[in-house]
Structure formats: structure tokens, C-alpha cells
PDB file of N, CA and C in Angstrom:
ATOM      1  N   MET A   1     -26.335  14.093 -36.179  1.00  0.00           N
ATOM      2  CA  MET A   1     -26.442  13.173 -35.478  1.00  0.00           C
ATOM      3  C   MET A   1     -26.076  11.647 -35.660  1.00  0.00           C
ATOM      4  N   ARG A   2     -25.521  10.735 -34.547  1.00  0.00           N
ATOM      5  CA  ARG A   2     -24.685   9.917 -34.809  1.00  0.00           C
ATOM      6  C   ARG A   2     -25.464   8.766 -35.271  1.00  0.00           C
ATOM      7  N   SER A   3     -25.372   7.773 -36.291  1.00  0.00           N
ATOM      8  CA  SER A   3     -25.786   6.726 -36.003  1.00  0.00           C
ATOM      9  C   SER A   3     -25.865   5.425 -35.744  1.00  0.00           C
ATOM     10  N   LEU A   4     -27.064   4.778 -35.043  1.00  0.00           N
ATOM     11  CA  LEU A   4     -26.765   4.147 -34.703  1.00  0.00           C
ATOM     12  C   LEU A   4     -25.429   2.654 -34.768  1.00  0.00           C
ATOM     13  N   SER A   5     -24.496   2.554 -35.728  1.00  0.00           N
ATOM     14  CA  SER A   5     -23.250   1.395 -36.628  1.00  0.00           C
ATOM     15  C   SER A   5     -22.135   2.477 -35.024  1.00  0.00           C
ATOM     16  N   THR A   6     -22.035   3.663 -35.242  1.00  0.00           N
ATOM     17  CA  THR A   6     -21.270   4.603 -34.692  1.00  0.00           C
ATOM     18  C   THR A   6     -21.185   4.231 -32.718  1.00  0.00           C
ATOM     19  N   ILE A   7     -22.689   4.195 -32.392  1.00  0.00           N
ATOM     20  CA  ILE A   7     -23.086   3.787 -31.175  1.00  0.00           C
ATOM     21  C   ILE A   7     -22.376   2.748 -30.920  1.00  0.00           C
ATOM     22  N   VAL A   8     -22.703   1.662 -31.956  1.00  0.00           N
ATOM     23  CA  VAL A   8     -22.733   0.211 -31.594  1.00  0.00           C
ATOM     24  C   VAL A   8     -20.878   0.188 -31.751  1.00  0.00           C
ATOM     25  N   LEU A   9     -19.926   0.656 -32.359  1.00  0.00           N
ATOM     26  CA  LEU A   9     -18.346   0.539 -32.757  1.00  0.00           C
ATOM     27  C   LEU A   9     -17.897   1.139 -31.184  1.00  0.00           C
ATOM     28  N   ALA A  10     -18.649   2.744 -31.017  1.00  0.00           N
ATOM     29  CA  ALA A  10     -17.604   3.134 -29.386  1.00  0.00           C
ATOM     30  C   ALA A  10     -18.414   1.649 -28.169  1.00  0.00           C
ATOM     31  N   ALA A  11     -19.316   1.799 -27.975  1.00  0.00           N
ATOM     32  CA  ALA A  11     -19.939   0.792 -27.273  1.00  0.00           C
ATOM     33  C   ALA A  11     -19.025  -0.778 -26.844  1.00  0.00           C
ATOM     34  N   THR A  12     -19.040  -1.136 -28.561  1.00  0.00           N
ATOM     35  CA  THR A  12     -18.233  -2.709 -29.169  1.00  0.00           C
ATOM     36  C   THR A  12     -15.908  -2.215 -28.062  1.00  0.00           C
ATOM     37  N   ALA A  13     -16.011  -1.170 -28.996  1.00  0.00           N
ATOM     38  CA  ALA A  13     -14.742  -1.017 -28.369  1.00  0.00           C
ATOM     39  C   ALA A  13     -15.216  -0.262 -26.304  1.00  0.00           C
ATOM     40  N   ALA A  14     -15.672  -0.024 -25.971  1.00  0.00           N
ATOM     41  CA  ALA A  14     -15.491   0.482 -24.526  1.00  0.00           C
ATOM     42  C   ALA A  14     -15.715  -1.115 -23.939  1.00  0.00           C
ATOM     43  N   GLY A  15     -15.979  -2.263 -23.963  1.00  0.00           N
ATOM     44  CA  GLY A  15     -16.232  -3.888 -23.425  1.00  0.00           C
ATOM     45  C   GLY A  15     -14.775  -3.971 -23.893  1.00  0.00           C
ATOM     46  N   LEU A  16     -14.436  -3.863 -24.961  1.00  0.00           N
ATOM     47  CA  LEU A  16     -13.011  -4.726 -24.770  1.00  0.00           C
ATOM     48  C   LEU A  16     -11.906  -4.632 -23.489  1.00  0.00           C
ATOM     49  N   HIS A  17     -11.310  -5.453 -22.981  1.00  0.00           N
ATOM     50  CA  HIS A  17     -10.587  -5.371 -21.921  1.00  0.00           C
ATOM     51  C   HIS A  17      -9.204  -4.208 -22.050  1.00  0.00           C
ATOM     52  N   PHE A  18      -8.518  -3.931 -22.183  1.00  0.00           N
ATOM     53  CA  PHE A  18      -7.367  -2.809 -21.876  1.00  0.00           C
ATOM     54  C   PHE A  18      -8.074  -1.808 -21.382  1.00  0.00           C
ATOM     55  N   ALA A  19      -6.915  -1.546 -20.448  1.00  0.00           N
ATOM     56  CA  ALA A  19      -7.010   0.077 -19.197  1.00  0.00           C
ATOM     57  C   ALA A  19      -6.076   0.912 -19.922  1.00  0.00           C
ATOM     58  N   SER A  20      -7.093   1.826 -20.730  1.00  0.00           N
ATOM     59  CA  SER A  20      -6.214   2.584 -21.153  1.00  0.00           C
ATOM     60  C   SER A  20      -7.041   4.058 -21.529  1.00  0.00           C
ATOM     61  N   ALA A  21      -6.672   5.471 -22.142  1.00  0.00           N
ATOM     62  CA  ALA A  21      -8.257   6.338 -22.297  1.00  0.00           C
ATOM     63  C   ALA A  21      -7.343   6.272 -23.886  1.00  0.00           C
ATOM     64  N   LEU A  22      -8.518   7.279 -24.465  1.00  0.00           N
ATOM     65  CA  LEU A  22      -9.182   8.132 -25.567  1.00  0.00           C
ATOM     66  C   LEU A  22      -8.464   9.405 -25.737  1.00  0.00           C
ATOM     67  N   GLU A  23      -7.074   9.519 -25.774  1.00  0.00           N
ATOM     68  CA  GLU A  23      -7.564  11.573 -26.051  1.00  0.00           C
ATOM     69  C   GLU A  23      -8.477  11.897 -27.684  1.00  0.00           C
ATOM     70  N   LEU A  24      -9.073  12.876 -26.817  1.00  0.00           N
ATOM     71  CA  LEU A  24     -10.438  13.203 -27.833  1.00  0.00           C
ATOM     72  C   LEU A  24     -10.776  14.592 -27.571  1.00  0.00           C
ATOM     73  N   ASN A  25     -10.844  15.423 -28.613  1.00  0.00           N
ATOM     74  CA  ASN A  25     -11.253  16.564 -28.703  1.00  0.00           C
ATOM     75  C   ASN A  25     -12.320  16.822 -29.643  1.00  0.00           C
ATOM     76  N   VAL A  26     -13.273  16.658 -28.859  1.00  0.00           N
ATOM     77  CA  VAL A  26     -15.009  16.211 -30.057  1.00  0.00           C
ATOM     78  C   VAL A  26     -14.706  17.980 -30.566  1.00  0.00           C
ATOM     79  N   ASN A  27     -14.026  19.031 -31.053  1.00  0.00           N
ATOM     80  CA  ASN A  27     -13.960  20.044 -31.380  1.00  0.00           C
ATOM     81  C   ASN A  27     -12.769  20.000 -32.798  1.00  0.00           C
ATOM     82  N   SER A  28     -12.007  18.317 -33.066  1.00  0.00           N
ATOM     83  CA  SER A  28     -11.187  18.768 -33.298  1.00  0.00           C
ATOM     84  C   SER A  28     -11.278  17.328 -34.637  1.00  0.00           C
ATOM     85  N   THR A  29     -11.227  17.932 -36.375  1.00  0.00           N
ATOM     86  CA  THR A  29     -11.556  16.487 -36.995  1.00  0.00           C
ATOM     87  C   THR A  29     -10.128  16.063 -37.184  1.00  0.00           C
ATOM     88  N   GLY A  30      -9.145  15.951 -36.262  1.00  0.00           N
ATOM     89  CA  GLY A  30      -7.786  15.480 -36.452  1.00  0.00           C
ATOM     90  C   GLY A  30      -7.825  14.253 -35.249  1.00  0.00           C
ATOM     91  N   SER A  31      -8.343  15.238 -33.993  1.00  0.00           N
ATOM     92  CA  SER A  31      -8.515  14.184 -33.222  1.00  0.00           C
ATOM     93  C   SER A  31      -9.727  13.017 -33.044  1.00  0.00           C
ATOM     94  N   ILE A  32     -10.568  12.889 -33.545  1.00  0.00           N
ATOM     95  CA  ILE A  32     -11.468  12.630 -33.845  1.00  0.00           C
ATOM     96  C   ILE A  32     -11.233  11.503 -34.659  1.00  0.00           C
ATOM     97  N   ARG A  33     -10.593  11.865 -35.700  1.00  0.00           N
ATOM     98  CA  ARG A  33     -10.082  10.569 -36.311  1.00  0.00           C
ATOM     99  C   ARG A  33      -8.947   9.829 -36.126  1.00  0.00           C
ATOM    100  N   ASN A  34      -8.130  10.334 -35.709  1.00  0.00           N
ATOM    101  CA  ASN A  34      -7.438   9.711 -34.879  1.00  0.00           C
ATOM    102  C   ASN A  34      -8.101   8.660 -33.279  1.00  0.00           C
ATOM    103  N   ALA A  35      -8.986   8.911 -32.868  1.00  0.00           N
ATOM    104  CA  ALA A  35      -9.669   7.934 -31.736  1.00  0.00           C
ATOM    105  C   ALA A  35     -10.448   6.713 -32.212  1.00  0.00           C
ATOM    106  N   ALA A  36     -10.694   7.575 -33.575  1.00  0.00           N
ATOM    107  CA  ALA A  36     -11.730   6.692 -34.159  1.00  0.00           C
ATOM    108  C   ALA A  36     -10.985   5.779 -35.471  1.00  0.00           C
ATOM    109  N   ALA A  37      -9.291   6.082 -35.516  1.00  0.00           N
ATOM    110  CA  ALA A  37      -8.644   4.486 -35.725  1.00  0.00           C
ATOM    111  C   ALA A  37      -8.033   3.798 -35.068  1.00  0.00           C
ATOM    112  N   THR A  38      -7.956   4.322 -33.669  1.00  0.00           N
ATOM    113  CA  THR A  38      -7.615   3.369 -32.295  1.00  0.00           C
ATOM    114  C   THR A  38      -8.110   2.429 -32.005  1.00  0.00           C
ATOM    115  N   LEU A  39     -10.198   2.442 -31.958  1.00  0.00           N
ATOM    116  CA  LEU A  39     -10.646   2.163 -31.704  1.00  0.00           C
ATOM    117  C   LEU A  39     -10.948   1.034 -33.121  1.00  0.00           C
ATOM    118  N   ALA A  40     -10.659   1.061 -34.537  1.00  0.00           N
ATOM    119  CA  ALA A  40     -10.877   0.407 -35.417  1.00  0.00           C
ATOM    120  C   ALA A  40      -9.893  -0.832 -35.257  1.00  0.00           C
ATOM    121  N   PHE A  41      -8.900  -0.353 -34.655  1.00  0.00           N
ATOM    122  CA  PHE A  41      -7.629  -0.434 -34.888  1.00  0.00           C
ATOM    123  C   PHE A  41      -7.771  -2.162 -33.701  1.00  0.00           C
ATOM    124  N   GLY A  42      -8.075  -1.409 -32.275  1.00  0.00           N
ATOM    125  CA  GLY A  42      -8.349  -2.104 -31.046  1.00  0.00           C
ATOM    126  C   GLY A  42      -9.251  -3.228 -32.130  1.00  0.00           C
ATOM    127  N   LEU A  43     -10.289  -2.692 -32.269  1.00  0.00           N
ATOM    128  CA  LEU A  43     -11.373  -4.305 -32.975  1.00  0.00           C
ATOM    129  C   LEU A  43     -11.149  -4.905 -33.765  1.00  0.00           C
ATOM    130  N   THR A  44     -10.640  -4.436 -34.823  1.00  0.00           N
ATOM    131  CA  THR A  44     -10.253  -5.735 -35.985  1.00  0.00           C
ATOM    132  C   THR A  44      -8.775  -6.778 -35.134  1.00  0.00           C
ATOM    133  N   SER A  45      -7.969  -6.549 -33.880  1.00  0.00           N
ATOM    134  CA  SER A  45      -7.007  -7.208 -33.100  1.00  0.00           C
ATOM    135  C   SER A  45      -7.468  -8.406 -33.020  1.00  0.00           C
ATOM    136  N   TRP A  46      -9.056  -8.166 -32.624  1.00  0.00           N
ATOM    137  CA  TRP A  46      -9.616  -9.281 -31.995  1.00  0.00           C
ATOM    138  C   TRP A  46      -9.770  -9.637 -32.999  1.00  0.00           C
ATOM    139  N   TYR A  47      -9.943  -9.747 -34.161  1.00  0.00           N
ATOM    140  CA  TYR A  47     -10.333 -10.468 -35.772  1.00  0.00           C
ATOM    141  C   TYR A  47      -9.439 -11.614 -35.924  1.00  0.00           C
ATOM    142  N   HIS A  48      -9.655 -12.786 -35.663  1.00  0.00           N
ATOM    143  CA  HIS A  48      -8.622 -13.932 -36.432  1.00  0.00           C
ATOM    144  C   HIS A  48      -8.956 -15.105 -37.266  1.00  0.00           C
ATOM    145  N   ASN A  49     -10.201 -14.762 -37.629  1.00  0.00           N
ATOM    146  CA  ASN A  49     -11.134 -15.546 -38.678  1.00  0.00           C
ATOM    147  C   ASN A  49     -11.073 -15.370 -39.673  1.00  0.00           C
ATOM    148  N   ASN A  50      -9.486 -14.679 -40.117  1.00  0.00           N
ATOM    149  CA  ASN A  50      -9.891 -14.348 -41.958  1.00  0.00           C
ATOM    150  C   ASN A  50      -7.885 -15.131 -42.107  1.00  0.00           C
ATOM    151  N   GLN A  51      -7.694 -16.602 -41.313  1.00  0.00           N
ATOM    152  CA  GLN A  51      -6.562 -16.650 -41.826  1.00  0.00           C
ATOM    153  C   GLN A  51      -6.165 -17.841 -42.694  1.00  0.00           C
ATOM    154  N   SER A  52      -5.457 -18.175 -43.215  1.00  0.00           N
ATOM    155  CA  SER A  52      -6.020 -19.525 -43.706  1.00  0.00           C
ATOM    156  C   SER A  52      -6.029 -20.089 -43.053  1.00  0.00           C
ATOM    157  N   SER A  53      -5.537 -21.053 -42.047  1.00  0.00           N
ATOM    158  CA  SER A  53      -6.877 -22.785 -41.507  1.00  0.00           C
ATOM    159  C   SER A  53      -7.963 -22.231 -40.939  1.00  0.00           C
ATOM    160  N   THR A  54      -8.203 -21.133 -41.673  1.00  0.00           N
ATOM    161  CA  THR A  54      -9.828 -20.978 -40.624  1.00  0.00           C
ATOM    162  C   THR A  54     -10.982 -21.357 -41.248  1.00  0.00           C
ATOM    163  N   ALA A  55     -11.650 -21.838 -41.027  1.00  0.00           N
ATOM    164  CA  ALA A  55     -13.043 -22.991 -41.509  1.00  0.00           C
ATOM    165  C   ALA A  55     -13.455 -21.826 -42.093  1.00  0.00           C
ATOM    166  N   ALA A  56     -14.741 -22.232 -43.466  1.00  0.00           N
ATOM    167  CA  ALA A  56     -15.214 -20.935 -44.353  1.00  0.00           C
ATOM    168  C   ALA A  56     -15.989 -20.732 -43.710  1.00  0.00           C
ATOM    169  N   THR A  57     -16.657 -21.373 -42.771  1.00  0.00           N
ATOM    170  CA  THR A  57     -18.178 -21.036 -41.846  1.00  0.00           C
ATOM    171  C   THR A  57     -17.368 -20.050 -40.867  1.00  0.00           C
ATOM    172  N   ALA A  58     -16.051 -19.676 -40.433  1.00  0.00           N
ATOM    173  CA  ALA A  58     -16.101 -19.232 -39.504  1.00  0.00           C
ATOM    174  C   ALA A  58     -15.516 -18.204 -39.765  1.00  0.00           C
ATOM    175  N   VAL A  59     -15.376 -18.092 -41.051  1.00  0.00           N
ATOM    176  CA  VAL A  59     -14.876 -16.231 -41.675  1.00  0.00           C
ATOM    177  C   VAL A  59     -15.706 -15.244 -41.424  1.00  0.00           C
ATOM    178  N   GLY A  60     -15.362 -14.548 -41.247  1.00  0.00           N
ATOM    179  CA  GLY A  60     -16.415 -13.231 -40.507  1.00  0.00           C
ATOM    180  C   GLY A  60     -17.315 -13.202 -39.341  1.00  0.00           C
ATOM    181  N   THR A  61     -16.982 -14.119 -38.421  1.00  0.00           N
ATOM    182  CA  THR A  61     -17.302 -14.566 -37.370  1.00  0.00           C
ATOM    183  C   THR A  61     -16.229 -14.247 -36.453  1.00  0.00           C
ATOM    184  N   PHE A  62     -16.632 -14.031 -35.112  1.00  0.00           N
ATOM    185  CA  PHE A  62     -15.473 -13.946 -33.756  1.00  0.00           C
ATOM    186  C   PHE A  62     -15.328 -14.934 -33.200  1.00  0.00           C
ATOM    187  N   PRO A  63     -14.650 -15.603 -32.599  1.00  0.00           N
ATOM    188  CA  PRO A  63     -14.946 -17.257 -31.641  1.00  0.00           C
ATOM    189  C   PRO A  63     -15.832 -17.058 -30.576  1.00  0.00           C
ATOM    190  N   ALA A  64     -16.608 -17.777 -30.173  1.00  0.00           N
ATOM    191  CA  ALA A  64     -17.043 -17.701 -28.883  1.00  0.00           C
ATOM    192  C   ALA A  64     -16.443 -16.609 -27.344  1.00  0.00           C
ATOM    193  N   PRO A  65     -17.113 -16.550 -27.064  1.00  0.00           N
ATOM    194  CA  PRO A  65     -18.925 -16.370 -26.812  1.00  0.00           C
ATOM    195  C   PRO A  65     -18.962 -14.937 -27.512  1.00  0.00           C
ATOM    196  N   TYR A  66     -18.625 -14.881 -28.664  1.00  0.00           N
ATOM    197  CA  TYR A  66     -19.280 -13.942 -29.361  1.00  0.00           C
ATOM    198  C   TYR A  66     -19.942 -14.508 -30.234  1.00  0.00           C
ATOM    199  N   TYR A  67     -21.182 -13.514 -30.539  1.00  0.00           N
ATOM    200  CA  TYR A  67     -22.423 -14.256 -31.566  1.00  0.00           C
ATOM    201  C   TYR A  67     -22.098 -12.927 -32.765  1.00  0.00           C
ATOM    202  N   TRP A  68     -22.875 -13.675 -33.383  1.00  0.00           N
ATOM    203  CA  TRP A  68     -23.262 -12.948 -35.301  1.00  0.00           C
ATOM    204  C   TRP A  68     -23.542 -11.437 -34.799  1.00  0.00           C
ATOM    205  N   TRP A  69     -24.029 -10.965 -34.266  1.00  0.00           N
ATOM    206  CA  TRP A  69     -24.793  -9.532 -34.204  1.00  0.00           C
ATOM    207  C   TRP A  69     -23.706  -8.384 -33.529  1.00  0.00           C
ATOM    208  N   GLU A  70     -22.631  -9.448 -32.405  1.00  0.00           N
ATOM    209  CA  GLU A  70     -21.813  -8.557 -32.405  1.00  0.00           C
ATOM    210  C   GLU A  70     -20.882  -8.448 -33.839  1.00  0.00           C
ATOM    211  N   ALA A  71     -20.314  -9.147 -34.482  1.00  0.00           N
ATOM    212  CA  ALA A  71     -19.878  -9.363 -35.678  1.00  0.00           C
ATOM    213  C   ALA A  71     -19.996  -8.877 -36.642  1.00  0.00           C
ATOM    214  N   GLY A  72     -21.308  -8.842 -36.436  1.00  0.00           N
ATOM    215  CA  GLY A  72     -21.913  -7.841 -37.214  1.00  0.00           C
ATOM    216  C   GLY A  72     -21.824  -6.464 -37.128  1.00  0.00           C
ATOM    217  N   ALA A  73     -22.065  -6.002 -35.596  1.00  0.00           N
ATOM    218  CA  ALA A  73     -21.997  -4.454 -35.525  1.00  0.00           C
ATOM    219  C   ALA A  73     -20.285  -4.378 -35.735  1.00  0.00           C
ATOM    220  N   VAL A  74     -19.630  -4.579 -35.553  1.00  0.00           N
ATOM    221  CA  VAL A  74     -18.155  -4.440 -35.686  1.00  0.00           C
ATOM    222  C   VAL A  74     -18.088  -4.440 -37.789  1.00  0.00           C
ATOM    223  N   TRP A  75     -18.155  -4.712 -38.303  1.00  0.00           N
ATOM    224  CA  TRP A  75     -18.178  -4.625 -39.562  1.00  0.00           C
ATOM    225  C   TRP A  75     -19.143  -3.361 -40.204  1.00  0.00           C
ATOM    226  N   GLY A  76     -20.379  -3.091 -39.780  1.00  0.00           N
ATOM    227  CA  GLY A  76     -21.108  -1.713 -39.421  1.00  0.00           C
ATOM    228  C   GLY A  76     -20.284  -1.170 -39.369  1.00  0.00           C
ATOM    229  N   GLY A  77     -19.593  -1.043 -38.291  1.00  0.00           N
ATOM    230  CA  GLY A  77     -18.656   0.097 -37.188  1.00  0.00           C
ATOM    231  C   GLY A  77     -17.911   0.740 -38.169  1.00  0.00           C
ATOM    232  N   LEU A  78     -17.690  -0.686 -38.521  1.00  0.00           N
ATOM    233  CA  LEU A  78     -15.907  -0.212 -39.446  1.00  0.00           C
ATOM    234  C   LEU A  78     -16.291   0.430 -41.276  1.00  0.00           C
ATOM    235  N   VAL A  79     -17.561  -0.148 -41.742  1.00  0.00           N
ATOM    236  CA  VAL A  79     -17.980   0.840 -42.957  1.00  0.00           C
ATOM    237  C   VAL A  79     -18.029   1.955 -42.795  1.00  0.00           C
ATOM    238  N   ASP A  80     -19.124   1.907 -41.630  1.00  0.00           N
ATOM    239  CA  ASP A  80     -19.060   3.568 -41.134  1.00  0.00           C
ATOM    240  C   ASP A  80     -17.650   4.223 -40.817  1.00  0.00           C
ATOM    241  N   TYR A  81     -16.886   3.313 -40.216  1.00  0.00           N
ATOM    242  CA  TYR A  81     -15.751   3.994 -39.713  1.00  0.00           C
ATOM    243  C   TYR A  81     -15.100   4.612 -41.119  1.00  0.00           C
ATOM    244  N   TRP A  82     -15.388   4.003 -41.867  1.00  0.00           N
ATOM    245  CA  TRP A  82     -14.342   4.177 -43.615  1.00  0.00           C
ATOM    246  C   TRP A  82     -15.032   5.408 -44.260  1.00  0.00           C
ATOM    247  N   ALA A  83     -16.297   5.419 -43.946  1.00  0.00           N
ATOM    248  CA  ALA A  83     -17.452   6.638 -44.165  1.00  0.00           C
ATOM    249  C   ALA A  83     -16.986   7.628 -43.960  1.00  0.00           C
ATOM    250  N   TYR A  84     -16.938   7.988 -43.141  1.00  0.00           N
ATOM    251  CA  TYR A  84     -16.577   8.760 -41.690  1.00  0.00           C
ATOM    252  C   TYR A  84     -14.935   9.320 -42.231  1.00  0.00           C
ATOM    253  N   THR A  85     -13.987   8.651 -42.515  1.00  0.00           N
ATOM    254  CA  THR A  85     -12.444   8.837 -42.615  1.00  0.00           C
ATOM    255  C   THR A  85     -11.869   8.511 -43.551  1.00  0.00           C
ATOM    256  N   ASN A  86     -12.198   8.234 -44.381  1.00  0.00           N
ATOM    257  CA  ASN A  86     -11.804   7.584 -46.160  1.00  0.00           C
ATOM    258  C   ASN A  86     -10.407   6.723 -45.825  1.00  0.00           C
ATOM    259  N   ASP A  87     -10.794   6.390 -44.316  1.00  0.00           N
ATOM    260  CA  ASP A  87      -9.346   5.425 -45.030  1.00  0.00           C
ATOM    261  C   ASP A  87     -10.406   4.045 -44.928  1.00  0.00           C
ATOM    262  N   SER A  88      -9.663   3.016 -45.979  1.00  0.00           N
ATOM    263  CA  SER A  88     -10.085   1.838 -46.569  1.00  0.00           C
ATOM    264  C   SER A  88      -9.357   0.274 -45.984  1.00  0.00           C
ATOM    265  N   SER A  89      -8.360   0.678 -45.174  1.00  0.00           N
ATOM    266  CA  SER A  89      -6.838   0.488 -45.102  1.00  0.00           C
ATOM    267  C   SER A  89      -7.828  -1.322 -44.537  1.00  0.00           C
ATOM    268  N   TYR A  90      -9.079  -0.801 -44.049  1.00  0.00           N
ATOM    269  CA  TYR A  90      -9.352  -1.866 -43.058  1.00  0.00           C
ATOM    270  C   TYR A  90     -10.353  -2.336 -44.175  1.00  0.00           C
ATOM    271  N   ASN A  91     -11.049  -2.144 -45.232  1.00  0.00           N
ATOM    272  CA  ASN A  91     -12.238  -3.077 -46.835  1.00  0.00           C
ATOM    273  C   ASN A  91     -12.124  -4.262 -47.354  1.00  0.00           C
ATOM    274  N   PRO A  92     -10.762  -4.716 -47.351  1.00  0.00           N
ATOM    275  CA  PRO A  92     -10.746  -5.995 -47.609  1.00  0.00           C
ATOM    276  C   PRO A  92     -11.178  -6.942 -46.584  1.00  0.00           C
ATOM    277  N   THR A  93     -11.049  -6.790 -45.391  1.00  0.00           N
ATOM    278  CA  THR A  93     -10.962  -7.509 -44.156  1.00  0.00           C
ATOM    279  C   THR A  93     -12.839  -7.166 -43.920  1.00  0.00           C
ATOM    280  N   VAL A  94     -13.064  -6.658 -44.212  1.00  0.00           N
ATOM    281  CA  VAL A  94     -14.571  -6.387 -43.900  1.00  0.00           C
ATOM    282  C   VAL A  94     -15.091  -7.347 -45.264  1.00  0.00           C
ATOM    283  N   THR A  95     -14.891  -6.489 -45.947  1.00  0.00           N
ATOM    284  CA  THR A  95     -15.305  -7.192 -47.920  1.00  0.00           C
ATOM    285  C   THR A  95     -15.388  -8.955 -47.334  1.00  0.00           C
ATOM    286  N   GLN A  96     -14.343  -9.493 -46.976  1.00  0.00           N
ATOM    287  CA  GLN A  96     -14.025 -10.779 -46.953  1.00  0.00           C
ATOM    288  C   GLN A  96     -14.652 -11.189 -46.312  1.00  0.00           C
ATOM    289  N   ALA A  97     -15.094 -10.225 -44.579  1.00  0.00           N
ATOM    290  CA  ALA A  97     -16.165 -11.464 -43.291  1.00  0.00           C
ATOM    291  C   ALA A  97     -17.366 -11.502 -44.257  1.00  0.00           C
ATOM    292  N   LEU A  98     -17.771 -10.283 -44.904  1.00  0.00           N
ATOM    293  CA  LEU A  98     -19.394  -9.939 -45.561  1.00  0.00           C
ATOM    294  C   LEU A  98     -19.444 -11.149 -46.198  1.00  0.00           C
ATOM    295  N   LEU A  99     -18.570 -11.024 -47.095  1.00  0.00           N
ATOM    296  CA  LEU A  99     -18.777 -11.894 -48.758  1.00  0.00           C
ATOM    297  C   LEU A  99     -18.696 -13.337 -48.324  1.00  0.00           C
ATOM    298  N   ALA A 100     -18.362 -13.942 -46.498  1.00  0.00           N
ATOM    299  CA  ALA A 100     -18.091 -15.190 -46.525  1.00  0.00           C
ATOM    300  C   ALA A 100     -19.659 -15.357 -45.680  1.00  0.00           C
ATOM    301  N   GLN A 101     -19.998 -14.445 -45.445  1.00  0.00           N
ATOM    302  CA  GLN A 101     -21.850 -14.545 -45.505  1.00  0.00           C
ATOM    303  C   GLN A 101     -23.004 -15.051 -45.650  1.00  0.00           C
ATOM    304  N   VAL A 102     -22.264 -15.189 -47.321  1.00  0.00           N
ATOM    305  CA  VAL A 102     -23.050 -14.949 -48.643  1.00  0.00           C
ATOM    306  C   VAL A 102     -23.508 -16.363 -48.338  1.00  0.00           C
ATOM    307  N   GLY A 103     -24.969 -17.008 -48.791  1.00  0.00           N
ATOM    308  CA  GLY A 103     -25.103 -18.002 -49.408  1.00  0.00           C
ATOM    309  C   GLY A 103     -25.031 -18.649 -50.680  1.00  0.00           C
ATOM    310  N   PRO A 104     -25.902 -19.526 -50.983  1.00  0.00           N
ATOM    311  CA  PRO A 104     -25.981 -20.119 -52.545  1.00  0.00           C
ATOM    312  C   PRO A 104     -26.394 -19.253 -52.874  1.00  0.00           C
ATOM    313  N   ASP A 105     -28.049 -18.592 -52.151  1.00  0.00           N
ATOM    314  CA  ASP A 105     -28.650 -18.183 -53.075  1.00  0.00           C
ATOM    315  C   ASP A 105     -28.484 -16.691 -53.175  1.00  0.00           C
ATOM    316  N   ASN A 106     -27.642 -16.311 -52.887  1.00  0.00           N
ATOM    317  CA  ASN A 106     -27.687 -15.044 -52.502  1.00  0.00           C
ATOM    318  C   ASN A 106     -27.803 -14.434 -51.454  1.00  0.00           C
ATOM    319  N   ASN A 107     -28.033 -15.155 -50.421  1.00  0.00           N
ATOM    320  CA  ASN A 107     -28.796 -14.596 -49.218  1.00  0.00           C
ATOM    321  C   ASN A 107     -27.565 -14.502 -48.019  1.00  0.00           C
ATOM    322  N   VAL A 108     -27.965 -13.610 -47.166  1.00  0.00           N
ATOM    323  CA  VAL A 108     -26.616 -13.423 -46.470  1.00  0.00           C
ATOM    324  C   VAL A 108     -26.961 -15.207 -44.905  1.00  0.00           C
ATOM    325  N   GLY A 109     -25.806 -15.150 -45.195  1.00  0.00           N
ATOM    326  CA  GLY A 109     -25.860 -16.513 -44.005  1.00  0.00           C
ATOM    327  C   GLY A 109     -25.303 -17.116 -42.149  1.00  0.00           C
ATOM    328  N   LEU A 110     -25.449 -14.920 -42.037  1.00  0.00           N
ATOM    329  CA  LEU A 110     -25.348 -15.125 -40.846  1.00  0.00           C
ATOM    330  C   LEU A 110     -26.435 -15.998 -39.758  1.00  0.00           C
ATOM    331  N   LEU A 111     -26.570 -16.985 -40.558  1.00  0.00           N
ATOM    332  CA  LEU A 111     -26.446 -18.158 -39.439  1.00  0.00           C
ATOM    333  C   LEU A 111     -26.447 -19.180 -39.082  1.00  0.00           C
ATOM    334  N   LYS A 112     -25.160 -18.878 -40.149  1.00  0.00           N
ATOM    335  CA  LYS A 112     -24.241 -20.057 -39.723  1.00  0.00           C
ATOM    336  C   LYS A 112     -24.119 -20.466 -38.014  1.00  0.00           C
ATOM    337  N   ASN A 113     -24.341 -18.971 -37.320  1.00  0.00           N
ATOM    338  CA  ASN A 113     -23.633 -18.750 -36.094  1.00  0.00           C
ATOM    339  C   ASN A 113     -24.422 -18.056 -35.163  1.00  0.00           C
ATOM    340  N   TYR A 114     -25.663 -18.995 -35.131  1.00  0.00           N
ATOM    341  CA  TYR A 114     -26.295 -18.100 -34.245  1.00  0.00           C
ATOM    342  C   TYR A 114     -25.518 -18.732 -32.684  1.00  0.00           C
ATOM    343  N   GLY A 115     -26.003 -17.583 -31.785  1.00  0.00           N
ATOM    344  CA  GLY A 115     -25.828 -17.539 -30.252  1.00  0.00           C
ATOM    345  C   GLY A 115     -26.934 -17.320 -29.584  1.00  0.00           C
ATOM    346  N   GLY A 116     -27.784 -16.813 -29.636  1.00  0.00           N
ATOM    347  CA  GLY A 116     -28.940 -17.186 -28.342  1.00  0.00           C
ATOM    348  C   GLY A 116     -30.024 -17.651 -28.804  1.00  0.00           C
ATOM    349  N   LYS A 117     -31.083 -17.542 -27.578  1.00  0.00           N
ATOM    350  CA  LYS A 117     -32.443 -18.631 -27.945  1.00  0.00           C
ATOM    351  C   LYS A 117     -33.467 -18.416 -28.374  1.00  0.00           C
ATOM    352  N   ASP A 118     -33.361 -17.088 -29.333  1.00  0.00           N
ATOM    353  CA  ASP A 118     -34.851 -16.349 -29.601  1.00  0.00           C
ATOM    354  C   ASP A 118     -34.451 -16.695 -31.133  1.00  0.00           C
ATOM    355  N   GLU A 119     -33.673 -17.892 -31.343  1.00  0.00           N
ATOM    356  CA  GLU A 119     -33.451 -18.329 -33.160  1.00  0.00           C
ATOM    357  C   GLU A 119     -34.855 -19.228 -33.708  1.00  0.00           C
TER     358      GLU A 119
END
């Protein structure tokens, strides 16, 4: 059964603005890993808030019009990517993004970047 994060990762990648197709043979582990690697690379290419000039409150988030929960879906998807493929190349970025959201009381501070009307 597919995890929700995997579905979110795929849905997020499908929403990216590029015009190319992925070759995928669902009966081939190598093909699945290659497609997943392509999607992971594409997702992380949109993330620029880990540069030294980024404000501390923006690390781990994506710029407008993206909301905090979309960044959370990307980070969760990349954790799943790591678990399924054993490719840890994105772990430093994911770790930095998630730890940047920890508040002074060790609570998750994703509330720094609310974006909806339901808060």
C-alpha cells in the first residue's frame, strides 16, 4: 500500500511546471528508483531557502504562493524517498529544514508561515 507521503510527493511533482515525462516500469525496482530520484531532484530544485542569505524564519519553507503545509509535504515525501531508496543525499537539507521549524520549547514552529484562513 502506498503511503500518503508518497502520493503527496507524486502529486506535488505533477504540479511542477515542466513539460517532460518520466519513464517508469512498475515491475522494475531500478526504474522506480530512477523515477523517484528524478522527482526528488525536481522538488529540491524549487527550494532555495537554505542559502546563507535566507532569514532564519524562512528556512524550511517555500516562497509565496506556497504554504507551510506544502513544504511539509515535500519534506515528508523526501523522508519517504530516503526510506524507500536508501539515498541519503537529501537528508542534510531535510534535517536543516525541519530543525529550523523547532521553537524555543522544542515544539514544531511551522506556525511561523501560516497561509490559510483557517488558523
